[in-house]
PDB file of N, CA and C in Angstrom:
ATOM      1  N   MET A   1     108.799 123.484 110.781  1.00  0.00           N
ATOM      2  CA  MET A   1     108.160 122.747 111.845  1.00  0.00           C
ATOM      3  C   MET A   1     107.381 121.580 111.238  1.00  0.00           C
ATOM      4  N   THR A   2     107.420 120.461 111.913  1.00  0.00           N
ATOM      5  CA  THR A   2     106.645 119.283 111.531  1.00  0.00           C
ATOM      6  C   THR A   2     105.632 119.002 112.630  1.00  0.00           C
ATOM      7  N   LEU A   3     104.385 118.755 112.229  1.00  0.00           N
ATOM      8  CA  LEU A   3     103.309 118.450 113.165  1.00  0.00           C
ATOM      9  C   LEU A   3     102.668 117.140 112.734  1.00  0.00           C
ATOM     10  N   LEU A   4     102.444 116.244 113.699  1.00  0.00           N
ATOM     11  CA  LEU A   4     101.810 114.963 113.434  1.00  0.00           C
ATOM     12  C   LEU A   4     100.672 114.792 114.426  1.00  0.00           C
ATOM     13  N   VAL A   5      99.472 114.494 113.916  1.00  0.00           N
ATOM     14  CA  VAL A   5      98.290 114.337 114.761  1.00  0.00           C
ATOM     15  C   VAL A   5      97.738 112.937 114.539  1.00  0.00           C
ATOM     16  N   THR A   6      97.445 112.243 115.644  1.00  0.00           N
ATOM     17  CA  THR A   6      96.925 110.880 115.564  1.00  0.00           C
ATOM     18  C   THR A   6      95.556 110.790 116.220  1.00  0.00           C
ATOM     19  N   ARG A   7      94.809 109.755 115.819  1.00  0.00           N
ATOM     20  CA  ARG A   7      93.522 109.448 116.442  1.00  0.00           C
ATOM     21  C   ARG A   7      93.401 107.938 116.544  1.00  0.00           C
ATOM     22  N   ASN A   8      93.114 107.443 117.741  1.00  0.00           N
ATOM     23  CA  ASN A   8      92.888 106.023 117.995  1.00  0.00           C
ATOM     24  C   ASN A   8      94.071 105.122 117.636  1.00  0.00           C
ATOM     25  N   VAL A   9      95.298 105.586 117.838  1.00  0.00           N
ATOM     26  CA  VAL A   9      96.442 104.720 117.561  1.00  0.00           C
ATOM     27  C   VAL A   9      96.826 103.940 118.816  1.00  0.00           C
ATOM     28  N   SER A  10      97.571 102.873 118.616  1.00  0.00           N
ATOM     29  CA  SER A  10      97.973 101.996 119.714  1.00  0.00           C
ATOM     30  C   SER A  10      99.037 102.651 120.594  1.00  0.00           C
ATOM     31  N   ASP A  11      99.219 102.080 121.769  1.00  0.00           N
ATOM     32  CA  ASP A  11     100.267 102.555 122.680  1.00  0.00           C
ATOM     33  C   ASP A  11     101.639 102.412 122.036  1.00  0.00           C
ATOM     34  N   ARG A  12     101.821 101.361 121.247  1.00  0.00           N
ATOM     35  CA  ARG A  12     103.105 101.165 120.550  1.00  0.00           C
ATOM     36  C   ARG A  12     103.414 102.364 119.651  1.00  0.00           C
ATOM     37  N   MET A  13     102.431 102.774 118.847  1.00  0.00           N
ATOM     38  CA  MET A  13     102.603 103.909 117.946  1.00  0.00           C
ATOM     39  C   MET A  13     102.844 105.192 118.746  1.00  0.00           C
ATOM     40  N   ARG A  14     102.057 105.404 119.803  1.00  0.00           N
ATOM     41  CA  ARG A  14     102.232 106.611 120.624  1.00  0.00           C
ATOM     42  C   ARG A  14     103.609 106.640 121.268  1.00  0.00           C
ATOM     43  N   GLY A  15     104.078 105.486 121.748  1.00  0.00           N
ATOM     44  CA  GLY A  15     105.399 105.417 122.365  1.00  0.00           C
ATOM     45  C   GLY A  15     106.494 105.760 121.382  1.00  0.00           C
ATOM     46  N   PHE A  16     106.397 105.208 120.166  1.00  0.00           N
ATOM     47  CA  PHE A  16     107.388 105.519 119.139  1.00  0.00           C
ATOM     48  C   PHE A  16     107.394 107.007 118.814  1.00  0.00           C
ATOM     49  N   LEU A  17     106.209 107.568 118.601  1.00  0.00           N
ATOM     50  CA  LEU A  17     106.128 108.983 118.240  1.00  0.00           C
ATOM     51  C   LEU A  17     106.630 109.887 119.355  1.00  0.00           C
ATOM     52  N   SER A  18     106.301 109.554 120.605  1.00  0.00           N
ATOM     53  CA  SER A  18     106.760 110.404 121.709  1.00  0.00           C
ATOM     54  C   SER A  18     108.259 110.249 121.953  1.00  0.00           C
ATOM     55  N   SER A  19     108.868 109.175 121.456  1.00  0.00           N
ATOM     56  CA  SER A  19     110.324 109.050 121.569  1.00  0.00           C
ATOM     57  C   SER A  19     111.038 109.832 120.468  1.00  0.00           C
ATOM     58  N   SER A  20     110.295 110.187 119.409  1.00  0.00           N
ATOM     59  CA  SER A  20     110.884 110.896 118.275  1.00  0.00           C
ATOM     60  C   SER A  20     110.506 112.374 118.228  1.00  0.00           C
ATOM     61  N   LEU A  21     109.336 112.710 118.757  1.00  0.00           N
ATOM     62  CA  LEU A  21     108.789 114.062 118.687  1.00  0.00           C
ATOM     63  C   LEU A  21     108.269 114.469 120.059  1.00  0.00           C
ATOM     64  N   LEU A  22     108.047 115.751 120.253  1.00  0.00           N
ATOM     65  CA  LEU A  22     107.481 116.256 121.498  1.00  0.00           C
ATOM     66  C   LEU A  22     105.965 116.095 121.446  1.00  0.00           C
ATOM     67  N   GLU A  23     105.375 115.431 122.460  1.00  0.00           N
ATOM     68  CA  GLU A  23     103.927 115.273 122.512  1.00  0.00           C
ATOM     69  C   GLU A  23     103.334 116.490 123.227  1.00  0.00           C
ATOM     70  N   LEU A  24     102.715 117.370 122.450  1.00  0.00           N
ATOM     71  CA  LEU A  24     102.168 118.618 122.977  1.00  0.00           C
ATOM     72  C   LEU A  24     100.864 118.404 123.725  1.00  0.00           C
ATOM     73  N   ALA A  25     100.066 117.474 123.261  1.00  0.00           N
ATOM     74  CA  ALA A  25      98.783 117.097 123.853  1.00  0.00           C
ATOM     75  C   ALA A  25      98.555 115.656 123.425  1.00  0.00           C
ATOM     76  N   PRO A  26      97.604 114.966 124.033  1.00  0.00           N
ATOM     77  CA  PRO A  26      97.398 113.577 123.630  1.00  0.00           C
ATOM     78  C   PRO A  26      97.175 113.444 122.118  1.00  0.00           C
ATOM     79  N   GLY A  27      98.062 112.715 121.465  1.00  0.00           N
ATOM     80  CA  GLY A  27      97.949 112.476 120.032  1.00  0.00           C
ATOM     81  C   GLY A  27      98.467 113.581 119.139  1.00  0.00           C
ATOM     82  N   VAL A  28      99.061 114.640 119.699  1.00  0.00           N
ATOM     83  CA  VAL A  28      99.581 115.767 118.912  1.00  0.00           C
ATOM     84  C   VAL A  28     101.078 115.868 119.148  1.00  0.00           C
ATOM     85  N   TYR A  29     101.862 115.673 118.085  1.00  0.00           N
ATOM     86  CA  TYR A  29     103.323 115.633 118.185  1.00  0.00           C
ATOM     87  C   TYR A  29     103.925 116.703 117.290  1.00  0.00           C
ATOM     88  N   SER A  30     105.046 117.285 117.747  1.00  0.00           N
ATOM     89  CA  SER A  30     105.659 118.375 117.006  1.00  0.00           C
ATOM     90  C   SER A  30     107.166 118.364 117.184  1.00  0.00           C
ATOM     91  N   THR A  31     107.840 118.944 116.217  1.00  0.00           N
ATOM     92  CA  THR A  31     109.270 119.209 116.337  1.00  0.00           C
ATOM     93  C   THR A  31     109.585 120.453 115.503  1.00  0.00           C
ATOM     94  N   PRO A  32     110.360 121.377 116.050  1.00  0.00           N
ATOM     95  CA  PRO A  32     110.640 122.609 115.298  1.00  0.00           C
ATOM     96  C   PRO A  32     111.660 122.405 114.180  1.00  0.00           C
ATOM     97  N   HIS A  33     112.609 121.495 114.371  1.00  0.00           N
ATOM     98  CA  HIS A  33     113.675 121.282 113.382  1.00  0.00           C
ATOM     99  C   HIS A  33     113.864 119.785 113.188  1.00  0.00           C
ATOM    100  N   ILE A  34     113.644 119.317 111.970  1.00  0.00           N
ATOM    101  CA  ILE A  34     113.849 117.911 111.648  1.00  0.00           C
ATOM    102  C   ILE A  34     114.279 117.836 110.183  1.00  0.00           C
ATOM    103  N   SER A  35     115.222 116.988 109.890  1.00  0.00           N
ATOM    104  CA  SER A  35     115.682 116.864 108.515  1.00  0.00           C
ATOM    105  C   SER A  35     114.656 116.074 107.706  1.00  0.00           C
ATOM    106  N   PRO A  36     114.622 116.287 106.403  1.00  0.00           N
ATOM    107  CA  PRO A  36     113.703 115.509 105.569  1.00  0.00           C
ATOM    108  C   PRO A  36     113.952 114.000 105.687  1.00  0.00           C
ATOM    109  N   ALA A  37     115.191 113.595 105.839  1.00  0.00           N
ATOM    110  CA  ALA A  37     115.504 112.167 105.965  1.00  0.00           C
ATOM    111  C   ALA A  37     114.906 111.576 107.241  1.00  0.00           C
ATOM    112  N   VAL A  38     115.006 112.285 108.342  1.00  0.00           N
ATOM    113  CA  VAL A  38     114.429 111.798 109.603  1.00  0.00           C
ATOM    114  C   VAL A  38     112.911 111.788 109.508  1.00  0.00           C
ATOM    115  N   ARG A  39     112.330 112.834 108.928  1.00  0.00           N
ATOM    116  CA  ARG A  39     110.874 112.877 108.752  1.00  0.00           C
ATOM    117  C   ARG A  39     110.409 111.679 107.913  1.00  0.00           C
ATOM    118  N   GLU A  40     111.132 111.347 106.866  1.00  0.00           N
ATOM    119  CA  GLU A  40     110.791 110.206 106.016  1.00  0.00           C
ATOM    120  C   GLU A  40     110.892 108.892 106.786  1.00  0.00           C
ATOM    121  N   ARG A  41     111.904 108.750 107.640  1.00  0.00           N
ATOM    122  CA  ARG A  41     112.048 107.520 108.425  1.00  0.00           C
ATOM    123  C   ARG A  41     110.902 107.383 109.429  1.00  0.00           C
ATOM    124  N   ILE A  42     110.530 108.487 110.075  1.00  0.00           N
ATOM    125  CA  ILE A  42     109.401 108.445 111.013  1.00  0.00           C
ATOM    126  C   ILE A  42     108.138 108.039 110.268  1.00  0.00           C
ATOM    127  N   TRP A  43     107.876 108.651 109.114  1.00  0.00           N
ATOM    128  CA  TRP A  43     106.684 108.311 108.347  1.00  0.00           C
ATOM    129  C   TRP A  43     106.728 106.863 107.866  1.00  0.00           C
ATOM    130  N   ALA A  44     107.895 106.362 107.496  1.00  0.00           N
ATOM    131  CA  ALA A  44     108.021 104.970 107.050  1.00  0.00           C
ATOM    132  C   ALA A  44     107.610 104.010 108.165  1.00  0.00           C
ATOM    133  N   VAL A  45     108.031 104.286 109.400  1.00  0.00           N
ATOM    134  CA  VAL A  45     107.645 103.432 110.529  1.00  0.00           C
ATOM    135  C   VAL A  45     106.136 103.528 110.760  1.00  0.00           C
ATOM    136  N   VAL A  46     105.599 104.736 110.768  1.00  0.00           N
ATOM    137  CA  VAL A  46     104.161 104.930 110.980  1.00  0.00           C
ATOM    138  C   VAL A  46     103.371 104.192 109.895  1.00  0.00           C
ATOM    139  N   ALA A  47     103.760 104.337 108.638  1.00  0.00           N
ATOM    140  CA  ALA A  47     103.052 103.686 107.538  1.00  0.00           C
ATOM    141  C   ALA A  47     103.177 102.164 107.615  1.00  0.00           C
ATOM    142  N   ASP A  48     104.329 101.675 108.058  1.00  0.00           N
ATOM    143  CA  ASP A  48     104.540 100.233 108.189  1.00  0.00           C
ATOM    144  C   ASP A  48     103.671  99.643 109.292  1.00  0.00           C
ATOM    145  N   TRP A  49     103.553 100.340 110.407  1.00  0.00           N
ATOM    146  CA  TRP A  49     102.768  99.858 111.543  1.00  0.00           C
ATOM    147  C   TRP A  49     101.272 100.090 111.362  1.00  0.00           C
ATOM    148  N   PHE A  50     100.896 101.029 110.508  1.00  0.00           N
ATOM    149  CA  PHE A  50      99.506 101.467 110.424  1.00  0.00           C
ATOM    150  C   PHE A  50      98.509 100.361 110.072  1.00  0.00           C
ATOM    151  N   PRO A  51      98.820  99.407 109.208  1.00  0.00           N
ATOM    152  CA  PRO A  51      97.837  98.357 108.907  1.00  0.00           C
ATOM    153  C   PRO A  51      97.374  97.566 110.138  1.00  0.00           C
ATOM    154  N   HIS A  52      98.135  97.610 111.225  1.00  0.00           N
ATOM    155  CA  HIS A  52      97.759  96.904 112.448  1.00  0.00           C
ATOM    156  C   HIS A  52      96.881  97.755 113.367  1.00  0.00           C
ATOM    157  N   GLU A  53      96.625  98.991 112.984  1.00  0.00           N
ATOM    158  CA  GLU A  53      95.775  99.884 113.775  1.00  0.00           C
ATOM    159  C   GLU A  53      94.313  99.660 113.403  1.00  0.00           C
ATOM    160  N   ASP A  54      93.401  99.953 114.323  1.00  0.00           N
ATOM    161  CA  ASP A  54      91.972  99.759 114.091  1.00  0.00           C
ATOM    162  C   ASP A  54      91.243 101.099 114.194  1.00  0.00           C
ATOM    163  N   SER A  55      90.595 101.511 113.127  1.00  0.00           N
ATOM    164  CA  SER A  55      89.830 102.774 113.087  1.00  0.00           C
ATOM    165  C   SER A  55      90.680 103.964 113.507  1.00  0.00           C
ATOM    166  N   ALA A  56      91.912 103.981 113.070  1.00  0.00           N
ATOM    167  CA  ALA A  56      92.840 105.050 113.443  1.00  0.00           C
ATOM    168  C   ALA A  56      93.064 105.993 112.261  1.00  0.00           C
ATOM    169  N   SER A  57      93.671 107.126 112.555  1.00  0.00           N
ATOM    170  CA  SER A  57      94.092 108.045 111.501  1.00  0.00           C
ATOM    171  C   SER A  57      95.335 108.795 111.961  1.00  0.00           C
ATOM    172  N   VAL A  58      96.137 109.177 110.981  1.00  0.00           N
ATOM    173  CA  VAL A  58      97.367 109.934 111.233  1.00  0.00           C
ATOM    174  C   VAL A  58      97.479 110.984 110.132  1.00  0.00           C
ATOM    175  N   ILE A  59      97.848 112.186 110.520  1.00  0.00           N
ATOM    176  CA  ILE A  59      98.120 113.243 109.545  1.00  0.00           C
ATOM    177  C   ILE A  59      99.435 113.911 109.924  1.00  0.00           C
ATOM    178  N   MET A  60     100.274 114.155 108.932  1.00  0.00           N
ATOM    179  CA  MET A  60     101.553 114.835 109.153  1.00  0.00           C
ATOM    180  C   MET A  60     101.604 116.039 108.216  1.00  0.00           C
ATOM    181  N   VAL A  61     101.979 117.193 108.756  1.00  0.00           N
ATOM    182  CA  VAL A  61     102.130 118.410 107.953  1.00  0.00           C
ATOM    183  C   VAL A  61     103.482 119.042 108.249  1.00  0.00           C
ATOM    184  N   TRP A  62     104.060 119.678 107.239  1.00  0.00           N
ATOM    185  CA  TRP A  62     105.330 120.379 107.410  1.00  0.00           C
ATOM    186  C   TRP A  62     105.465 121.427 106.311  1.00  0.00           C
ATOM    187  N   ALA A  63     106.304 122.402 106.560  1.00  0.00           N
ATOM    188  CA  ALA A  63     106.537 123.478 105.595  1.00  0.00           C
ATOM    189  C   ALA A  63     107.287 122.919 104.388  1.00  0.00           C
ATOM    190  N   ASP A  64     106.777 123.248 103.187  1.00  0.00           N
ATOM    191  CA  ASP A  64     107.415 122.830 101.939  1.00  0.00           C
ATOM    192  C   ASP A  64     107.084 123.877 100.877  1.00  0.00           C
ATOM    193  N   PRO A  65     108.046 124.733 100.542  1.00  0.00           N
ATOM    194  CA  PRO A  65     107.758 125.821  99.606  1.00  0.00           C
ATOM    195  C   PRO A  65     107.482 125.356  98.173  1.00  0.00           C
ATOM    196  N   THR A  66     107.675 124.070  97.873  1.00  0.00           N
ATOM    197  CA  THR A  66     107.468 123.577  96.509  1.00  0.00           C
ATOM    198  C   THR A  66     106.043 123.103  96.233  1.00  0.00           C
ATOM    199  N   VAL A  67     105.176 123.111  97.245  1.00  0.00           N
ATOM    200  CA  VAL A  67     103.796 122.642  97.057  1.00  0.00           C
ATOM    201  C   VAL A  67     102.824 123.807  97.265  1.00  0.00           C
ATOM    202  N   PRO A  68     101.576 123.677  96.774  1.00  0.00           N
ATOM    203  CA  PRO A  68     100.600 124.756  96.977  1.00  0.00           C
ATOM    204  C   PRO A  68     100.439 125.086  98.462  1.00  0.00           C
ATOM    205  N   CYS A  69     100.319 126.327  98.765  1.00  0.00           N
ATOM    206  CA  CYS A  69     100.167 126.855 100.126  1.00  0.00           C
ATOM    207  C   CYS A  69     101.431 126.709 100.966  1.00  0.00           C
ATOM    208  N   GLY A  70     102.493 126.119 100.416  1.00  0.00           N
ATOM    209  CA  GLY A  70     103.751 125.993 101.151  1.00  0.00           C
ATOM    210  C   GLY A  70     103.701 124.993 102.296  1.00  0.00           C
ATOM    211  N   GLN A  71     102.732 124.084 102.273  1.00  0.00           N
ATOM    212  CA  GLN A  71     102.572 123.130 103.357  1.00  0.00           C
ATOM    213  C   GLN A  71     102.265 121.750 102.763  1.00  0.00           C
ATOM    214  N   ALA A  72     103.143 120.786 103.042  1.00  0.00           N
ATOM    215  CA  ALA A  72     102.933 119.416 102.572  1.00  0.00           C
ATOM    216  C   ALA A  72     102.099 118.660 103.600  1.00  0.00           C
ATOM    217  N   VAL A  73     101.290 117.718 103.117  1.00  0.00           N
ATOM    218  CA  VAL A  73     100.386 116.953 103.972  1.00  0.00           C
ATOM    219  C   VAL A  73     100.434 115.485 103.564  1.00  0.00           C
ATOM    220  N   ARG A  74     100.498 114.617 104.569  1.00  0.00           N
ATOM    221  CA  ARG A  74     100.376 113.174 104.360  1.00  0.00           C
ATOM    222  C   ARG A  74      99.320 112.654 105.326  1.00  0.00           C
ATOM    223  N   THR A  75      98.533 111.689 104.873  1.00  0.00           N
ATOM    224  CA  THR A  75      97.487 111.139 105.726  1.00  0.00           C
ATOM    225  C   THR A  75      97.431 109.625 105.619  1.00  0.00           C
ATOM    226  N   LEU A  76      96.973 109.012 106.679  1.00  0.00           N
ATOM    227  CA  LEU A  76      96.637 107.598 106.728  1.00  0.00           C
ATOM    228  C   LEU A  76      95.351 107.487 107.531  1.00  0.00           C
ATOM    229  N   GLY A  77      94.464 106.595 107.141  1.00  0.00           N
ATOM    230  CA  GLY A  77      93.364 106.336 108.049  1.00  0.00           C
ATOM    231  C   GLY A  77      91.967 106.469 107.539  1.00  0.00           C
ATOM    232  N   VAL A  78      91.080 106.588 108.513  1.00  0.00           N
ATOM    233  CA  VAL A  78      89.647 106.578 108.302  1.00  0.00           C
ATOM    234  C   VAL A  78      89.111 107.984 108.527  1.00  0.00           C
ATOM    235  N   PRO A  79      88.315 108.566 107.691  1.00  0.00           N
ATOM    236  CA  PRO A  79      88.034 108.065 106.353  1.00  0.00           C
ATOM    237  C   PRO A  79      89.195 108.388 105.428  1.00  0.00           C
ATOM    238  N   PRO A  80      89.391 107.597 104.369  1.00  0.00           N
ATOM    239  CA  PRO A  80      90.485 107.898 103.444  1.00  0.00           C
ATOM    240  C   PRO A  80      90.243 109.236 102.746  1.00  0.00           C
ATOM    241  N   ILE A  81      91.249 110.075 102.728  1.00  0.00           N
ATOM    242  CA  ILE A  81      91.124 111.379 102.071  1.00  0.00           C
ATOM    243  C   ILE A  81      92.301 111.604 101.142  1.00  0.00           C
ATOM    244  N   LYS A  82      92.113 112.501 100.232  1.00  0.00           N
ATOM    245  CA  LYS A  82      93.171 112.921  99.325  1.00  0.00           C
ATOM    246  C   LYS A  82      93.258 114.439  99.427  1.00  0.00           C
ATOM    247  N   ILE A  83      94.478 114.960  99.542  1.00  0.00           N
ATOM    248  CA  ILE A  83      94.681 116.404  99.605  1.00  0.00           C
ATOM    249  C   ILE A  83      94.889 116.913  98.182  1.00  0.00           C
ATOM    250  N   VAL A  84      94.097 117.895  97.776  1.00  0.00           N
ATOM    251  CA  VAL A  84      94.196 118.462  96.435  1.00  0.00           C
ATOM    252  C   VAL A  84      94.268 119.983  96.531  1.00  0.00           C
ATOM    253  N   ALA A  85      94.886 120.582  95.526  1.00  0.00           N
ATOM    254  CA  ALA A  85      94.966 122.040  95.450  1.00  0.00           C
ATOM    255  C   ALA A  85      93.783 122.555  94.624  1.00  0.00           C
ATOM    256  N   VAL A  86      93.050 123.513  95.192  1.00  0.00           N
ATOM    257  CA  VAL A  86      91.929 124.141  94.503  1.00  0.00           C
ATOM    258  C   VAL A  86      92.138 125.643  94.577  1.00  0.00           C
ATOM    259  N   ASP A  87      92.365 126.258  93.431  1.00  0.00           N
ATOM    260  CA  ASP A  87      92.610 127.695  93.364  1.00  0.00           C
ATOM    261  C   ASP A  87      93.717 128.127  94.316  1.00  0.00           C
ATOM    262  N   GLY A  88      94.780 127.329  94.388  1.00  0.00           N
ATOM    263  CA  GLY A  88      95.925 127.688  95.215  1.00  0.00           C
ATOM    264  C   GLY A  88      95.786 127.347  96.686  1.00  0.00           C
ATOM    265  N   LEU A  89      94.688 126.729  97.092  1.00  0.00           N
ATOM    266  CA  LEU A  89      94.493 126.331  98.471  1.00  0.00           C
ATOM    267  C   LEU A  89      94.426 124.812  98.566  1.00  0.00           C
ATOM    268  N   LEU A  90      94.916 124.283  99.682  1.00  0.00           N
ATOM    269  CA  LEU A  90      94.822 122.837  99.897  1.00  0.00           C
ATOM    270  C   LEU A  90      93.467 122.510 100.510  1.00  0.00           C
ATOM    271  N   THR A  91      92.860 121.441 100.011  1.00  0.00           N
ATOM    272  CA  THR A  91      91.586 120.994 100.554  1.00  0.00           C
ATOM    273  C   THR A  91      91.572 119.471 100.593  1.00  0.00           C
ATOM    274  N   ALA A  92      90.820 118.934 101.512  1.00  0.00           N
ATOM    275  CA  ALA A  92      90.710 117.481 101.630  1.00  0.00           C
ATOM    276  C   ALA A  92      89.420 117.019 100.994  1.00  0.00           C
ATOM    277  N   CYS A  93      89.504 115.957 100.218  1.00  0.00           N
ATOM    278  CA  CYS A  93      88.288 115.365  99.673  1.00  0.00           C
ATOM    279  C   CYS A  93      88.288 113.880 100.000  1.00  0.00           C
ATOM    280  N   HIS A  94      87.121 113.357 100.284  1.00  0.00           N
ATOM    281  CA  HIS A  94      86.988 111.954 100.647  1.00  0.00           C
ATOM    282  C   HIS A  94      87.191 111.082  99.423  1.00  0.00           C
ATOM    283  N   VAL A  95      87.924 109.992  99.615  1.00  0.00           N
ATOM    284  CA  VAL A  95      88.156 109.016  98.558  1.00  0.00           C
ATOM    285  C   VAL A  95      87.108 107.926  98.706  1.00  0.00           C
ATOM    286  N   PRO A  96      86.349 107.645  97.659  1.00  0.00           N
ATOM    287  CA  PRO A  96      85.339 106.592  97.783  1.00  0.00           C
ATOM    288  C   PRO A  96      85.997 105.235  98.051  1.00  0.00           C
ATOM    289  N   VAL A  97      85.426 104.488  98.971  1.00  0.00           N
ATOM    290  CA  VAL A  97      85.918 103.151  99.286  1.00  0.00           C
ATOM    291  C   VAL A  97      85.135 102.166  98.454  1.00  0.00           C
ATOM    292  N   LEU A  98      85.836 101.371  97.664  1.00  0.00           N
ATOM    293  CA  LEU A  98      85.165 100.400  96.805  1.00  0.00           C
ATOM    294  C   LEU A  98      85.065  99.063  97.463  1.00  0.00           C
TER     295      LEU A  98
END
């Protein structure tokens, strides 16, 4: 399963995501079965459009047995964060803005 959660994104971004994924609640998108190639294309569009967003954030998670906790995470937005493994668990830490 792939889950994508947005905050403060434009109607353009929401329209694209709802055409590709099921919108479960405002800003929460999901799909039970998606190929890695399609997931990468969706993320490429989101990442390409993201610089035009204002005070927005996007997080995408999906099952991946090759990473700690078996769950891969990608993020864009405010505040900038980095996902790190600590004792086998994933945790988010804030990235200092210079």
